[in-house]
Amino acid sequence: MQIETNNWQAFGLATDALRDIDRFVSSPSKNRIVLVDAKEKLRNAVDIDPNFSRAQYYSAIVSDLLGQ
């Protein structure tokens, strides 16, 4: 396992997901669809690079926020 990834596609997906999480946390409406989108992006990042532990970590956080 590695915290970072050398795969730019996985990195881009994880970065977009973190923006989604930030948008969710900052939003007064707390739209869960934003978290569902973030979860999908993180899942795709892990599919691309299964050793990208940071994406796995944030995926677990999003799952917790979604109550899964």
C-alpha atoms as a PDB file:
ATOM      1  CA  MET A   1       0.000   0.000   0.000  1.00  0.00           C
ATOM      2  CA  GLN A   2       1.073   3.522  -0.664  1.00  0.00           C
ATOM      3  CA  ILE A   3      -0.415   6.788   0.497  1.00  0.00           C
ATOM      4  CA  GLU A   4       0.066   8.528  -2.833  1.00  0.00           C
ATOM      5  CA  THR A   5      -0.278   7.326  -6.409  1.00  0.00           C
ATOM      6  CA  ASN A   6       1.790   7.781  -9.530  1.00  0.00           C
ATOM      7  CA  ASN A   7      -1.313   7.393 -11.685  1.00  0.00           C
ATOM      8  CA  TRP A   8      -2.582  10.812 -12.757  1.00  0.00           C
ATOM      9  CA  GLN A   9      -6.086   9.563 -13.518  1.00  0.00           C
ATOM     10  CA  ALA A  10      -6.492   8.098 -10.016  1.00  0.00           C
ATOM     11  CA  PHE A  11      -5.017  11.262  -8.510  1.00  0.00           C
ATOM     12  CA  GLY A  12      -7.427  13.458 -10.491  1.00  0.00           C
ATOM     13  CA  LEU A  13     -10.446  11.436  -9.405  1.00  0.00           C
ATOM     14  CA  ALA A  14      -9.389  11.581  -5.758  1.00  0.00           C
ATOM     15  CA  THR A  15      -8.763  15.327  -6.013  1.00  0.00           C
ATOM     16  CA  ASP A  16     -12.229  15.880  -7.499  1.00  0.00           C
ATOM     17  CA  ALA A  17     -13.732  13.736  -4.737  1.00  0.00           C
ATOM     18  CA  LEU A  18     -12.006  15.822  -2.062  1.00  0.00           C
ATOM     19  CA  ARG A  19     -13.462  18.953  -3.635  1.00  0.00           C
ATOM     20  CA  ASP A  20     -16.895  17.313  -3.465  1.00  0.00           C
ATOM     21  CA  ILE A  21     -16.385  16.477   0.212  1.00  0.00           C
ATOM     22  CA  ASP A  22     -15.322  20.049   0.918  1.00  0.00           C
ATOM     23  CA  ARG A  23     -18.366  21.333  -0.954  1.00  0.00           C
ATOM     24  CA  PHE A  24     -20.614  19.047   1.117  1.00  0.00           C
ATOM     25  CA  VAL A  25     -19.081  20.140   4.430  1.00  0.00           C
ATOM     26  CA  SER A  26     -19.275  23.842   3.481  1.00  0.00           C
ATOM     27  CA  SER A  27     -22.850  23.665   2.219  1.00  0.00           C
ATOM     28  CA  PRO A  28     -25.730  24.465   4.563  1.00  0.00           C
ATOM     29  CA  SER A  29     -28.017  22.094   2.613  1.00  0.00           C
ATOM     30  CA  LYS A  30     -25.740  19.004   3.014  1.00  0.00           C
ATOM     31  CA  ASN A  31     -26.847  17.459  -0.281  1.00  0.00           C
ATOM     32  CA  ARG A  32     -26.012  13.745  -0.023  1.00  0.00           C
ATOM     33  CA  ILE A  33     -25.794  13.397  -3.804  1.00  0.00           C
ATOM     34  CA  VAL A  34     -22.478  15.275  -3.585  1.00  0.00           C
ATOM     35  CA  LEU A  35     -21.174  12.548  -1.277  1.00  0.00           C
ATOM     36  CA  VAL A  36     -22.471   9.785  -3.539  1.00  0.00           C
ATOM     37  CA  ASP A  37     -20.550  11.396  -6.413  1.00  0.00           C
ATOM     38  CA  ALA A  38     -17.421  11.620  -4.253  1.00  0.00           C
ATOM     39  CA  LYS A  39     -17.762   7.955  -3.272  1.00  0.00           C
ATOM     40  CA  GLU A  40     -17.985   6.923  -6.935  1.00  0.00           C
ATOM     41  CA  LYS A  41     -14.902   8.952  -7.849  1.00  0.00           C
ATOM     42  CA  LEU A  42     -12.938   7.426  -4.986  1.00  0.00           C
ATOM     43  CA  ARG A  43     -14.087   3.926  -5.951  1.00  0.00           C
ATOM     44  CA  ASN A  44     -12.879   4.557  -9.482  1.00  0.00           C
ATOM     45  CA  ALA A  45      -9.550   5.870  -8.186  1.00  0.00           C
ATOM     46  CA  VAL A  46      -9.053   2.699  -6.148  1.00  0.00           C
ATOM     47  CA  ASP A  47     -10.066   0.559  -9.141  1.00  0.00           C
ATOM     48  CA  ILE A  48      -7.358   2.276 -11.183  1.00  0.00           C
ATOM     49  CA  ASP A  49      -4.733   2.016  -8.423  1.00  0.00           C
ATOM     50  CA  PRO A  50      -5.668  -0.550  -5.755  1.00  0.00           C
ATOM     51  CA  ASN A  51      -2.637   0.481  -3.663  1.00  0.00           C
ATOM     52  CA  PHE A  52      -3.749   4.128  -3.388  1.00  0.00           C
ATOM     53  CA  SER A  53      -4.502   4.031   0.336  1.00  0.00           C
ATOM     54  CA  ARG A  54      -5.392   7.710   0.619  1.00  0.00           C
ATOM     55  CA  ALA A  55      -8.315   7.133  -1.780  1.00  0.00           C
ATOM     56  CA  GLN A  56      -9.365   4.100   0.283  1.00  0.00           C
ATOM     57  CA  TYR A  57      -9.172   6.163   3.476  1.00  0.00           C
ATOM     58  CA  TYR A  58     -11.350   8.974   2.139  1.00  0.00           C
ATOM     59  CA  SER A  59     -13.745   6.440   0.657  1.00  0.00           C
ATOM     60  CA  ALA A  60     -14.244   5.020   4.153  1.00  0.00           C
ATOM     61  CA  ILE A  61     -14.874   8.521   5.519  1.00  0.00           C
ATOM     62  CA  VAL A  62     -17.478   9.190   2.833  1.00  0.00           C
ATOM     63  CA  SER A  63     -19.136   5.842   3.570  1.00  0.00           C
ATOM     64  CA  ASP A  64     -19.350   6.857   7.222  1.00  0.00           C
ATOM     65  CA  LEU A  65     -20.861  10.236   6.319  1.00  0.00           C
ATOM     66  CA  LEU A  66     -23.427   8.389   4.195  1.00  0.00           C
ATOM     67  CA  GLY A  67     -24.197   6.031   7.080  1.00  0.00           C
ATOM     68  CA  GLN A  68     -22.942   2.958   5.245  1.00  0.00           C
END
